[in-house]
Protein backbone atom coordinates (compact mmCIF):
# COMPACT_ATOMS: atom_id res chain seq x y z
CA MET A 1 122.64 -55.52 63.93
CA PHE A 2 121.39 -51.93 63.47
CA GLU A 3 121.25 -49.08 65.98
CA ARG A 4 119.53 -45.73 65.97
CA PHE A 5 121.38 -43.20 63.88
CA SER A 6 119.05 -40.35 62.87
CA GLY A 7 115.42 -39.52 62.39
CA GLY A 8 115.32 -41.44 59.12
CA TYR A 9 117.95 -44.20 59.44
CA TYR A 10 119.48 -46.96 61.54
CA LEU A 11 123.22 -47.62 61.27
CA GLY A 12 124.72 -51.08 60.87
CA ARG A 13 127.77 -52.86 59.53
CA LEU A 14 127.55 -55.52 56.82
CA TYR A 15 130.08 -57.34 54.74
CA VAL A 16 129.53 -55.77 51.28
CA GLU A 17 130.35 -57.97 48.36
CA PRO A 18 129.86 -57.51 44.61
CA TYR A 19 128.11 -60.39 42.84
CA ASP A 20 126.65 -61.30 39.45
CA GLY A 21 122.97 -60.93 40.37
CA ASP A 22 120.58 -58.31 39.13
CA ARG A 23 119.42 -56.82 42.46
CA PRO A 24 120.89 -56.24 45.94
CA VAL A 25 120.29 -59.19 48.29
CA MET A 26 121.05 -60.55 51.75
CA GLN A 27 120.46 -63.93 53.40
CA ARG A 28 116.73 -64.70 53.32
CA ALA A 29 116.36 -65.56 57.03
CA GLN A 30 118.28 -62.46 58.06
CA HIS A 31 116.23 -60.33 55.64
CA GLU A 32 113.00 -61.57 57.21
CA TRP A 33 114.37 -60.98 60.73
CA VAL A 34 115.35 -57.37 59.89
CA ASN A 35 111.97 -56.83 58.19
CA ARG A 36 110.14 -58.17 61.31
CA ARG A 37 112.29 -56.21 63.74
CA TYR A 38 112.43 -52.83 61.98
CA TYR A 39 109.54 -52.65 59.50
CA ALA A 40 106.67 -54.77 60.83
CA SER A 41 104.01 -53.09 62.95
CA GLY A 42 103.08 -56.28 64.83
CA GLU A 43 99.46 -55.96 63.83
CA GLY A 44 97.81 -58.63 61.74
CA ILE A 45 99.45 -60.56 58.96
CA GLU A 46 102.40 -58.74 57.43
CA ARG A 47 104.72 -59.50 54.50
CA LEU A 48 108.28 -60.16 55.57
CA ASP A 49 109.62 -60.38 51.99
CA SER A 50 109.18 -56.69 51.20
CA PRO A 51 112.43 -55.00 50.20
CA LEU A 52 114.53 -53.34 52.86
CA VAL A 53 115.81 -49.92 51.85
CA MET A 54 119.51 -49.50 52.63
CA LYS A 55 121.92 -46.72 51.78
CA LEU A 56 125.41 -47.66 50.78
CA GLY A 57 127.59 -44.69 50.05
CA THR A 58 125.38 -42.25 48.14
CA ARG A 59 123.00 -44.85 46.66
CA HIS A 60 119.75 -46.20 48.06
CA LEU A 61 119.21 -49.91 47.43
CA ALA A 62 116.05 -52.05 47.62
CA VAL A 63 117.45 -55.17 49.29
CA HIS A 64 115.71 -58.53 48.87
CA GLY A 65 116.16 -61.87 50.62
CA GLU A 66 117.81 -64.76 48.81
CA GLY A 67 119.15 -68.19 49.67
CA GLY A 68 122.84 -68.94 49.43
CA ILE A 69 124.04 -65.56 50.75
CA PRO A 70 126.23 -65.73 53.90
CA GLU A 71 124.80 -64.17 57.09
CA GLY A 72 125.87 -60.58 57.61
CA THR A 73 126.53 -60.02 53.90
CA LEU A 74 125.01 -57.49 51.54
CA ALA A 75 125.53 -58.74 48.01
CA VAL A 76 125.40 -55.88 45.48
CA PRO A 77 125.33 -56.30 41.68
CA ALA A 78 128.79 -55.50 40.34
CA ASP A 79 127.40 -52.80 38.06
CA LEU A 80 126.02 -50.90 41.10
CA VAL A 81 129.32 -50.84 42.96
CA GLU A 82 130.74 -47.34 42.80
CA GLU A 83 134.11 -47.02 41.09
CA GLU A 84 135.84 -45.92 44.29
CA ASP A 85 134.74 -49.16 45.94
CA ASP A 86 137.30 -51.31 44.17
CA ASP A 87 138.46 -52.65 47.55
CA LEU A 88 135.33 -54.78 47.98
CA PRO A 89 134.50 -57.18 49.51
CA ASP A 90 134.84 -55.39 52.83
CA LEU A 91 133.00 -54.65 56.07
CA ARG A 92 131.07 -51.38 55.57
CA GLU A 93 128.72 -49.09 57.43
CA VAL A 94 125.24 -49.33 55.92
CA LEU A 95 122.20 -47.21 56.66
CA LEU A 96 118.80 -48.91 56.96
CA ALA A 97 115.94 -46.52 56.22
CA LYS A 98 113.31 -46.43 58.96
CA VAL A 99 109.88 -47.65 57.85
CA ASP A 100 108.42 -44.22 57.04
CA ARG A 101 111.51 -43.13 55.13
CA ALA A 102 111.67 -46.47 53.29
CA ALA A 103 108.02 -46.12 52.19
CA GLN A 104 108.69 -42.58 50.98
CA LEU A 105 111.74 -43.68 48.97
CA LEU A 106 109.95 -46.68 47.50
CA ASP A 107 107.00 -44.52 46.46
CA MET A 108 109.40 -42.18 44.67
CA GLY A 109 111.10 -45.11 42.98
CA ALA A 110 114.46 -43.94 44.37
CA PRO A 111 116.05 -47.24 45.45
CA VAL A 112 117.88 -49.31 42.86
CA GLY A 113 116.95 -52.99 42.57
CA ILE A 114 113.20 -52.91 43.13
């Protein structure tokens, strides 16, 4: 789903779709899988519902898991979709922040949708 891209990010492709919710979301089972695969350390009990930090265009998003979202889809609140993205829904490149970068961004309060 994601591959190494840089020191701070993985690169993936998701179907990006505007929706009427109040925070960015993806399918719950897929969210937990990505959390386990890319964010979990494998030591002890870990939360798999923590937000994933993704970068879409120039904006960082705190992505949560939710039921009813199709697999491979990133649902973004319509008010967060940049004006030049009027051709959505569409398959887009998305950056997933690596665990250290995600923690740094979350501590700064940078991602939208926390």
